[in-house]
Amino acid sequence: MFKPKCTFNKEKLIRLALFYPSEFSLMDLMVLSDQLDTYIIDLHGDDEFSGIEGIASLAEKMIKTKKNLIFPLNICLSNCYYFYQLQLLQWK
């Protein structure tokens, strides 16, 4: 069973997507909220996602299980978040 070590704020993730207009169209942004809800429900029922410790391992597991094909906006958002974190590290 998927038990994330940290919680996420869906509204903040959607706001993050706003910073990447080339990655997320207006239609994508409208769908993203529902897709995030479905994504969490799906992962909580999947034992393969136990032990995930960070965004990189989550993205890797999504690709391995082909959930990136089911939740393409979420994998794109994960990548944007990962690159956002890298940018923050560079600024420090």
PDB file of N, CA and C in Angstrom:
ATOM      1  N   MET A   1       0.839  -1.177   0.000  1.00  0.00           N
ATOM      2  CA  MET A   1       0.000   0.000   0.000  1.00  0.00           C
ATOM      3  C   MET A   1       0.888   1.247   0.000  1.00  0.00           C
ATOM      4  N   PHE A   2       0.542   2.191  -0.836  1.00  0.00           N
ATOM      5  CA  PHE A   2       1.297   3.441  -0.975  1.00  0.00           C
ATOM      6  C   PHE A   2       1.047   4.317   0.249  1.00  0.00           C
ATOM      7  N   LYS A   3       2.120   4.615   0.969  1.00  0.00           N
ATOM      8  CA  LYS A   3       2.024   5.502   2.131  1.00  0.00           C
ATOM      9  C   LYS A   3       3.111   6.554   1.984  1.00  0.00           C
ATOM     10  N   PRO A   4       2.762   7.704   1.405  1.00  0.00           N
ATOM     11  CA  PRO A   4       3.791   8.723   1.202  1.00  0.00           C
ATOM     12  C   PRO A   4       4.333   9.228   2.527  1.00  0.00           C
ATOM     13  N   LYS A   5       5.631   9.544   2.530  1.00  0.00           N
ATOM     14  CA  LYS A   5       6.258  10.066   3.742  1.00  0.00           C
ATOM     15  C   LYS A   5       5.947  11.541   3.939  1.00  0.00           C
ATOM     16  N   CYS A   6       5.409  12.169   2.919  1.00  0.00           N
ATOM     17  CA  CYS A   6       5.015  13.561   3.050  1.00  0.00           C
ATOM     18  C   CYS A   6       3.671  13.738   2.343  1.00  0.00           C
ATOM     19  N   THR A   7       2.960  14.731   2.756  1.00  0.00           N
ATOM     20  CA  THR A   7       1.688  15.020   2.116  1.00  0.00           C
ATOM     21  C   THR A   7       1.916  16.065   1.030  1.00  0.00           C
ATOM     22  N   PHE A   8       0.935  16.225   0.185  1.00  0.00           N
ATOM     23  CA  PHE A   8       1.060  17.241  -0.845  1.00  0.00           C
ATOM     24  C   PHE A   8      -0.165  18.138  -0.797  1.00  0.00           C
ATOM     25  N   ASN A   9       0.015  19.331  -1.269  1.00  0.00           N
ATOM     26  CA  ASN A   9      -1.059  20.306  -1.334  1.00  0.00           C
ATOM     27  C   ASN A   9      -1.458  20.426  -2.797  1.00  0.00           C
ATOM     28  N   LYS A  10      -2.625  19.913  -3.114  1.00  0.00           N
ATOM     29  CA  LYS A  10      -3.064  19.871  -4.504  1.00  0.00           C
ATOM     30  C   LYS A  10      -3.121  21.272  -5.118  1.00  0.00           C
ATOM     31  N   GLU A  11      -3.590  22.236  -4.376  1.00  0.00           N
ATOM     32  CA  GLU A  11      -3.692  23.598  -4.910  1.00  0.00           C
ATOM     33  C   GLU A  11      -2.317  24.170  -5.253  1.00  0.00           C
ATOM     34  N   LYS A  12      -1.325  23.877  -4.409  1.00  0.00           N
ATOM     35  CA  LYS A  12       0.034  24.357  -4.689  1.00  0.00           C
ATOM     36  C   LYS A  12       0.615  23.676  -5.919  1.00  0.00           C
ATOM     37  N   LEU A  13       0.317  22.397  -6.088  1.00  0.00           N
ATOM     38  CA  LEU A  13       0.800  21.695  -7.276  1.00  0.00           C
ATOM     39  C   LEU A  13       0.178  22.276  -8.544  1.00  0.00           C
ATOM     40  N   ILE A  14      -1.093  22.600  -8.469  1.00  0.00           N
ATOM     41  CA  ILE A  14      -1.757  23.199  -9.632  1.00  0.00           C
ATOM     42  C   ILE A  14      -1.169  24.585  -9.909  1.00  0.00           C
ATOM     43  N   ARG A  15      -0.873  25.341  -8.853  1.00  0.00           N
ATOM     44  CA  ARG A  15      -0.228  26.649  -9.047  1.00  0.00           C
ATOM     45  C   ARG A  15       1.156  26.487  -9.664  1.00  0.00           C
ATOM     46  N   LEU A  16       1.867  25.435  -9.262  1.00  0.00           N
ATOM     47  CA  LEU A  16       3.174  25.165  -9.866  1.00  0.00           C
ATOM     48  C   LEU A  16       3.021  24.940 -11.364  1.00  0.00           C
ATOM     49  N   ALA A  17       1.991  24.218 -11.756  1.00  0.00           N
ATOM     50  CA  ALA A  17       1.757  23.949 -13.183  1.00  0.00           C
ATOM     51  C   ALA A  17       1.548  25.246 -13.966  1.00  0.00           C
ATOM     52  N   LEU A  18       1.013  26.268 -13.322  1.00  0.00           N
ATOM     53  CA  LEU A  18       0.805  27.558 -13.988  1.00  0.00           C
ATOM     54  C   LEU A  18       2.118  28.195 -14.439  1.00  0.00           C
ATOM     55  N   PHE A  19       3.218  27.837 -13.779  1.00  0.00           N
ATOM     56  CA  PHE A  19       4.528  28.376 -14.151  1.00  0.00           C
ATOM     57  C   PHE A  19       5.110  27.706 -15.390  1.00  0.00           C
ATOM     58  N   TYR A  20       4.426  26.684 -15.887  1.00  0.00           N
ATOM     59  CA  TYR A  20       4.894  25.940 -17.050  1.00  0.00           C
ATOM     60  C   TYR A  20       3.826  25.910 -18.142  1.00  0.00           C
ATOM     61  N   PRO A  21       3.504  27.079 -18.708  1.00  0.00           N
ATOM     62  CA  PRO A  21       2.428  27.130 -19.716  1.00  0.00           C
ATOM     63  C   PRO A  21       2.741  26.346 -20.986  1.00  0.00           C
ATOM     64  N   SER A  22       4.009  26.117 -21.262  1.00  0.00           N
ATOM     65  CA  SER A  22       4.333  25.321 -22.454  1.00  0.00           C
ATOM     66  C   SER A  22       4.080  23.833 -22.206  1.00  0.00           C
ATOM     67  N   GLU A  23       3.991  23.433 -20.948  1.00  0.00           N
ATOM     68  CA  GLU A  23       3.749  22.036 -20.603  1.00  0.00           C
ATOM     69  C   GLU A  23       2.273  21.751 -20.314  1.00  0.00           C
ATOM     70  N   PHE A  24       1.549  22.750 -19.814  1.00  0.00           N
ATOM     71  CA  PHE A  24       0.165  22.568 -19.389  1.00  0.00           C
ATOM     72  C   PHE A  24      -0.745  23.578 -20.086  1.00  0.00           C
ATOM     73  N   SER A  25      -1.605  23.085 -20.945  1.00  0.00           N
ATOM     74  CA  SER A  25      -2.583  23.960 -21.606  1.00  0.00           C
ATOM     75  C   SER A  25      -3.688  24.301 -20.607  1.00  0.00           C
ATOM     76  N   LEU A  26      -4.561  25.220 -20.979  1.00  0.00           N
ATOM     77  CA  LEU A  26      -5.692  25.551 -20.112  1.00  0.00           C
ATOM     78  C   LEU A  26      -6.566  24.320 -19.867  1.00  0.00           C
ATOM     79  N   MET A  27      -6.748  23.504 -20.881  1.00  0.00           N
ATOM     80  CA  MET A  27      -7.537  22.280 -20.731  1.00  0.00           C
ATOM     81  C   MET A  27      -6.835  21.318 -19.760  1.00  0.00           C
ATOM     82  N   ASP A  28      -5.524  21.207 -19.877  1.00  0.00           N
ATOM     83  CA  ASP A  28      -4.758  20.356 -18.961  1.00  0.00           C
ATOM     84  C   ASP A  28      -4.958  20.802 -17.515  1.00  0.00           C
ATOM     85  N   LEU A  29      -4.907  22.103 -17.296  1.00  0.00           N
ATOM     86  CA  LEU A  29      -5.071  22.622 -15.936  1.00  0.00           C
ATOM     87  C   LEU A  29      -6.454  22.298 -15.380  1.00  0.00           C
ATOM     88  N   MET A  30      -7.453  22.303 -16.231  1.00  0.00           N
ATOM     89  CA  MET A  30      -8.809  21.984 -15.785  1.00  0.00           C
ATOM     90  C   MET A  30      -8.914  20.499 -15.416  1.00  0.00           C
ATOM     91  N   VAL A  31      -8.199  19.644 -16.122  1.00  0.00           N
ATOM     92  CA  VAL A  31      -8.247  18.200 -15.895  1.00  0.00           C
ATOM     93  C   VAL A  31      -7.337  17.793 -14.735  1.00  0.00           C
ATOM     94  N   LEU A  32      -6.303  18.563 -14.484  1.00  0.00           N
ATOM     95  CA  LEU A  32      -5.272  18.196 -13.524  1.00  0.00           C
ATOM     96  C   LEU A  32      -5.830  17.936 -12.125  1.00  0.00           C
ATOM     97  N   SER A  33      -6.727  18.736 -11.657  1.00  0.00           N
ATOM     98  CA  SER A  33      -7.280  18.562 -10.314  1.00  0.00           C
ATOM     99  C   SER A  33      -7.928  17.190 -10.145  1.00  0.00           C
ATOM    100  N   ASP A  34      -8.772  16.813 -11.089  1.00  0.00           N
ATOM    101  CA  ASP A  34      -9.414  15.497 -11.015  1.00  0.00           C
ATOM    102  C   ASP A  34      -8.398  14.377 -11.169  1.00  0.00           C
ATOM    103  N   GLN A  35      -7.423  14.581 -12.037  1.00  0.00           N
ATOM    104  CA  GLN A  35      -6.429  13.543 -12.258  1.00  0.00           C
ATOM    105  C   GLN A  35      -5.578  13.331 -11.003  1.00  0.00           C
ATOM    106  N   LEU A  36      -5.273  14.403 -10.287  1.00  0.00           N
ATOM    107  CA  LEU A  36      -4.521  14.266  -9.037  1.00  0.00           C
ATOM    108  C   LEU A  36      -5.317  13.466  -8.007  1.00  0.00           C
ATOM    109  N   ASP A  37      -6.609  13.725  -7.911  1.00  0.00           N
ATOM    110  CA  ASP A  37      -7.457  12.972  -6.975  1.00  0.00           C
ATOM    111  C   ASP A  37      -7.464  11.485  -7.321  1.00  0.00           C
ATOM    112  N   THR A  38      -7.668  11.175  -8.583  1.00  0.00           N
ATOM    113  CA  THR A  38      -7.711   9.785  -9.040  1.00  0.00           C
ATOM    114  C   THR A  38      -6.357   9.112  -8.844  1.00  0.00           C
ATOM    115  N   TYR A  39      -5.313   9.855  -9.093  1.00  0.00           N
ATOM    116  CA  TYR A  39      -3.942   9.365  -8.962  1.00  0.00           C
ATOM    117  C   TYR A  39      -3.661   8.891  -7.536  1.00  0.00           C
ATOM    118  N   ILE A  40      -4.014   9.692  -6.559  1.00  0.00           N
ATOM    119  CA  ILE A  40      -3.757   9.335  -5.159  1.00  0.00           C
ATOM    120  C   ILE A  40      -4.572   8.114  -4.761  1.00  0.00           C
ATOM    121  N   ILE A  41      -5.828   8.055  -5.167  1.00  0.00           N
ATOM    122  CA  ILE A  41      -6.664   6.893  -4.863  1.00  0.00           C
ATOM    123  C   ILE A  41      -6.047   5.640  -5.478  1.00  0.00           C
ATOM    124  N   ASP A  42      -5.604   5.750  -6.712  1.00  0.00           N
ATOM    125  CA  ASP A  42      -5.009   4.601  -7.412  1.00  0.00           C
ATOM    126  C   ASP A  42      -3.723   4.141  -6.737  1.00  0.00           C
ATOM    127  N   LEU A  43      -2.856   5.071  -6.368  1.00  0.00           N
ATOM    128  CA  LEU A  43      -1.584   4.688  -5.756  1.00  0.00           C
ATOM    129  C   LEU A  43      -1.763   4.093  -4.368  1.00  0.00           C
ATOM    130  N   HIS A  44      -2.753   4.571  -3.627  1.00  0.00           N
ATOM    131  CA  HIS A  44      -2.989   4.034  -2.286  1.00  0.00           C
ATOM    132  C   HIS A  44      -3.395   2.565  -2.342  1.00  0.00           C
ATOM    133  N   GLY A  45      -3.962   2.124  -3.447  1.00  0.00           N
ATOM    134  CA  GLY A  45      -4.370   0.734  -3.593  1.00  0.00           C
ATOM    135  C   GLY A  45      -3.337  -0.151  -4.270  1.00  0.00           C
ATOM    136  N   ASP A  46      -2.154   0.363  -4.534  1.00  0.00           N
ATOM    137  CA  ASP A  46      -1.135  -0.377  -5.283  1.00  0.00           C
ATOM    138  C   ASP A  46       0.088  -0.644  -4.405  1.00  0.00           C
ATOM    139  N   ASP A  47       0.304  -1.916  -4.069  1.00  0.00           N
ATOM    140  CA  ASP A  47       1.430  -2.295  -3.204  1.00  0.00           C
ATOM    141  C   ASP A  47       2.793  -2.010  -3.827  1.00  0.00           C
ATOM    142  N   GLU A  48       2.861  -1.920  -5.145  1.00  0.00           N
ATOM    143  CA  GLU A  48       4.148  -1.645  -5.803  1.00  0.00           C
ATOM    144  C   GLU A  48       4.698  -0.267  -5.447  1.00  0.00           C
ATOM    145  N   PHE A  49       3.840   0.597  -4.915  1.00  0.00           N
ATOM    146  CA  PHE A  49       4.276   1.954  -4.605  1.00  0.00           C
ATOM    147  C   PHE A  49       4.630   2.131  -3.130  1.00  0.00           C
ATOM    148  N   SER A  50       4.728   1.032  -2.391  1.00  0.00           N
ATOM    149  CA  SER A  50       5.163   1.146  -1.005  1.00  0.00           C
ATOM    150  C   SER A  50       6.670   1.407  -0.998  1.00  0.00           C
ATOM    151  N   GLY A  51       7.119   2.161  -0.050  1.00  0.00           N
ATOM    152  CA  GLY A  51       8.539   2.437   0.062  1.00  0.00           C
ATOM    153  C   GLY A  51       9.046   3.589  -0.786  1.00  0.00           C
ATOM    154  N   ILE A  52       8.165   4.303  -1.448  1.00  0.00           N
ATOM    155  CA  ILE A  52       8.582   5.467  -2.242  1.00  0.00           C
ATOM    156  C   ILE A  52       9.084   6.541  -1.278  1.00  0.00           C
ATOM    157  N   GLU A  53      10.282   7.075  -1.558  1.00  0.00           N
ATOM    158  CA  GLU A  53      10.870   8.042  -0.642  1.00  0.00           C
ATOM    159  C   GLU A  53      11.063   9.430  -1.224  1.00  0.00           C
ATOM    160  N   GLY A  54      10.784   9.621  -2.475  1.00  0.00           N
ATOM    161  CA  GLY A  54      10.977  10.941  -3.045  1.00  0.00           C
ATOM    162  C   GLY A  54      10.403  11.029  -4.438  1.00  0.00           C
ATOM    163  N   ILE A  55      10.476  12.215  -4.983  1.00  0.00           N
ATOM    164  CA  ILE A  55       9.885  12.485  -6.292  1.00  0.00           C
ATOM    165  C   ILE A  55      10.569  11.670  -7.389  1.00  0.00           C
ATOM    166  N   ALA A  56      11.884  11.481  -7.282  1.00  0.00           N
ATOM    167  CA  ALA A  56      12.611  10.723  -8.308  1.00  0.00           C
ATOM    168  C   ALA A  56      12.197   9.253  -8.306  1.00  0.00           C
ATOM    169  N   SER A  57      12.108   8.656  -7.116  1.00  0.00           N
ATOM    170  CA  SER A  57      11.709   7.243  -7.059  1.00  0.00           C
ATOM    171  C   SER A  57      10.243   7.072  -7.448  1.00  0.00           C
ATOM    172  N   LEU A  58       9.415   8.066  -7.159  1.00  0.00           N
ATOM    173  CA  LEU A  58       8.016   8.010  -7.578  1.00  0.00           C
ATOM    174  C   LEU A  58       7.916   8.040  -9.097  1.00  0.00           C
ATOM    175  N   ALA A  59       8.637   8.948  -9.731  1.00  0.00           N
ATOM    176  CA  ALA A  59       8.609   9.037 -11.195  1.00  0.00           C
ATOM    177  C   ALA A  59       9.153   7.755 -11.830  1.00  0.00           C
ATOM    178  N   GLU A  60      10.215   7.221 -11.264  1.00  0.00           N
ATOM    179  CA  GLU A  60      10.795   5.986 -11.787  1.00  0.00           C
ATOM    180  C   GLU A  60       9.794   4.831 -11.696  1.00  0.00           C
ATOM    181  N   LYS A  61       9.123   4.716 -10.552  1.00  0.00           N
ATOM    182  CA  LYS A  61       8.143   3.642 -10.357  1.00  0.00           C
ATOM    183  C   LYS A  61       6.935   3.826 -11.279  1.00  0.00           C
ATOM    184  N   MET A  62       6.542   5.079 -11.506  1.00  0.00           N
ATOM    185  CA  MET A  62       5.416   5.331 -12.411  1.00  0.00           C
ATOM    186  C   MET A  62       5.745   4.854 -13.825  1.00  0.00           C
ATOM    187  N   ILE A  63       6.946   5.117 -14.265  1.00  0.00           N
ATOM    188  CA  ILE A  63       7.343   4.696 -15.607  1.00  0.00           C
ATOM    189  C   ILE A  63       7.459   3.175 -15.679  1.00  0.00           C
ATOM    190  N   LYS A  64       8.040   2.572 -14.648  1.00  0.00           N
ATOM    191  CA  LYS A  64       8.184   1.121 -14.618  1.00  0.00           C
ATOM    192  C   LYS A  64       6.825   0.415 -14.677  1.00  0.00           C
ATOM    193  N   THR A  65       5.823   0.973 -13.981  1.00  0.00           N
ATOM    194  CA  THR A  65       4.490   0.355 -13.936  1.00  0.00           C
ATOM    195  C   THR A  65       3.563   0.885 -15.027  1.00  0.00           C
ATOM    196  N   LYS A  66       4.089   1.781 -15.867  1.00  0.00           N
ATOM    197  CA  LYS A  66       3.351   2.400 -16.973  1.00  0.00           C
ATOM    198  C   LYS A  66       2.180   3.281 -16.515  1.00  0.00           C
ATOM    199  N   LYS A  67       2.225   3.727 -15.264  1.00  0.00           N
ATOM    200  CA  LYS A  67       1.197   4.654 -14.782  1.00  0.00           C
ATOM    201  C   LYS A  67       1.399   6.046 -15.382  1.00  0.00           C
ATOM    202  N   ASN A  68       2.590   6.281 -15.930  1.00  0.00           N
ATOM    203  CA  ASN A  68       2.813   7.553 -16.620  1.00  0.00           C
ATOM    204  C   ASN A  68       1.922   7.670 -17.850  1.00  0.00           C
ATOM    205  N   LEU A  69       1.499   6.524 -18.411  1.00  0.00           N
ATOM    206  CA  LEU A  69       0.589   6.542 -19.555  1.00  0.00           C
ATOM    207  C   LEU A  69      -0.845   6.808 -19.115  1.00  0.00           C
ATOM    208  N   ILE A  70      -1.170   6.380 -17.906  1.00  0.00           N
ATOM    209  CA  ILE A  70      -2.512   6.594 -17.367  1.00  0.00           C
ATOM    210  C   ILE A  70      -2.649   8.013 -16.815  1.00  0.00           C
ATOM    211  N   PHE A  71      -1.583   8.505 -16.201  1.00  0.00           N
ATOM    212  CA  PHE A  71      -1.591   9.831 -15.573  1.00  0.00           C
ATOM    213  C   PHE A  71      -0.502  10.716 -16.189  1.00  0.00           C
ATOM    214  N   PRO A  72      -0.621  11.061 -17.469  1.00  0.00           N
ATOM    215  CA  PRO A  72       0.447  11.834 -18.116  1.00  0.00           C
ATOM    216  C   PRO A  72       0.656  13.224 -17.518  1.00  0.00           C
ATOM    217  N   LEU A  73      -0.393  13.844 -17.051  1.00  0.00           N
ATOM    218  CA  LEU A  73      -0.232  15.174 -16.465  1.00  0.00           C
ATOM    219  C   LEU A  73       0.518  15.102 -15.144  1.00  0.00           C
ATOM    220  N   ASN A  74       0.310  14.034 -14.402  1.00  0.00           N
ATOM    221  CA  ASN A  74       0.982  13.899 -13.115  1.00  0.00           C
ATOM    222  C   ASN A  74       2.475  13.658 -13.282  1.00  0.00           C
ATOM    223  N   ILE A  75       2.863  12.854 -14.259  1.00  0.00           N
ATOM    224  CA  ILE A  75       4.292  12.628 -14.473  1.00  0.00           C
ATOM    225  C   ILE A  75       4.943  13.916 -14.974  1.00  0.00           C
ATOM    226  N   CYS A  76       4.236  14.663 -15.789  1.00  0.00           N
ATOM    227  CA  CYS A  76       4.752  15.949 -16.265  1.00  0.00           C
ATOM    228  C   CYS A  76       4.904  16.914 -15.084  1.00  0.00           C
ATOM    229  N   LEU A  77       3.920  16.936 -14.208  1.00  0.00           N
ATOM    230  CA  LEU A  77       3.984  17.792 -13.027  1.00  0.00           C
ATOM    231  C   LEU A  77       5.117  17.345 -12.107  1.00  0.00           C
ATOM    232  N   SER A  78       5.325  16.050 -11.965  1.00  0.00           N
ATOM    233  CA  SER A  78       6.433  15.532 -11.153  1.00  0.00           C
ATOM    234  C   SER A  78       7.769  16.008 -11.708  1.00  0.00           C
ATOM    235  N   ASN A  79       7.901  15.951 -13.019  1.00  0.00           N
ATOM    236  CA  ASN A  79       9.136  16.419 -13.655  1.00  0.00           C
ATOM    237  C   ASN A  79       9.327  17.914 -13.431  1.00  0.00           C
ATOM    238  N   CYS A  80       8.265  18.685 -13.572  1.00  0.00           N
ATOM    239  CA  CYS A  80       8.361  20.132 -13.343  1.00  0.00           C
ATOM    240  C   CYS A  80       8.754  20.422 -11.904  1.00  0.00           C
ATOM    241  N   TYR A  81       8.173  19.689 -10.967  1.00  0.00           N
ATOM    242  CA  TYR A  81       8.515  19.876  -9.551  1.00  0.00           C
ATOM    243  C   TYR A  81       9.984  19.537  -9.301  1.00  0.00           C
ATOM    244  N   TYR A  82      10.439  18.453  -9.896  1.00  0.00           N
ATOM    245  CA  TYR A  82      11.842  18.043  -9.743  1.00  0.00           C
ATOM    246  C   TYR A  82      12.774  19.131 -10.268  1.00  0.00           C
ATOM    247  N   PHE A  83      12.488  19.664 -11.447  1.00  0.00           N
ATOM    248  CA  PHE A  83      13.320  20.723 -12.010  1.00  0.00           C
ATOM    249  C   PHE A  83      13.214  22.016 -11.197  1.00  0.00           C
ATOM    250  N   TYR A  84      12.048  22.274 -10.652  1.00  0.00           N
ATOM    251  CA  TYR A  84      11.865  23.438  -9.778  1.00  0.00           C
ATOM    252  C   TYR A  84      12.771  23.316  -8.551  1.00  0.00           C
ATOM    253  N   GLN A  85      12.816  22.118  -7.958  1.00  0.00           N
ATOM    254  CA  GLN A  85      13.681  21.895  -6.796  1.00  0.00           C
ATOM    255  C   GLN A  85      15.158  22.075  -7.160  1.00  0.00           C
ATOM    256  N   LEU A  86      15.539  21.603  -8.341  1.00  0.00           N
ATOM    257  CA  LEU A  86      16.920  21.790  -8.786  1.00  0.00           C
ATOM    258  C   LEU A  86      17.256  23.267  -8.947  1.00  0.00           C
ATOM    259  N   GLN A  87      16.317  24.035  -9.474  1.00  0.00           N
ATOM    260  CA  GLN A  87      16.543  25.472  -9.642  1.00  0.00           C
ATOM    261  C   GLN A  87      16.706  26.149  -8.293  1.00  0.00           C
ATOM    262  N   LEU A  88      15.912  25.742  -7.323  1.00  0.00           N
ATOM    263  CA  LEU A  88      16.038  26.322  -5.977  1.00  0.00           C
ATOM    264  C   LEU A  88      17.412  26.037  -5.378  1.00  0.00           C
ATOM    265  N   LEU A  89      17.911  24.839  -5.596  1.00  0.00           N
ATOM    266  CA  LEU A  89      19.234  24.491  -5.086  1.00  0.00           C
ATOM    267  C   LEU A  89      20.323  25.328  -5.736  1.00  0.00           C
ATOM    268  N   GLN A  90      20.166  25.612  -7.014  1.00  0.00           N
ATOM    269  CA  GLN A  90      21.158  26.416  -7.728  1.00  0.00           C
ATOM    270  C   GLN A  90      21.166  27.857  -7.228  1.00  0.00           C
ATOM    271  N   TRP A  91      20.016  28.357  -6.825  1.00  0.00           N
ATOM    272  CA  TRP A  91      19.929  29.743  -6.362  1.00  0.00           C
ATOM    273  C   TRP A  91      20.514  29.924  -4.976  1.00  0.00           C
ATOM    274  N   LYS A  92      20.596  28.848  -4.195  1.00  0.00           N
ATOM    275  CA  LYS A  92      21.087  28.961  -2.811  1.00  0.00           C
ATOM    276  C   LYS A  92      22.567  29.112  -2.755  1.00  0.00           C
TER     277      LYS A  92
END
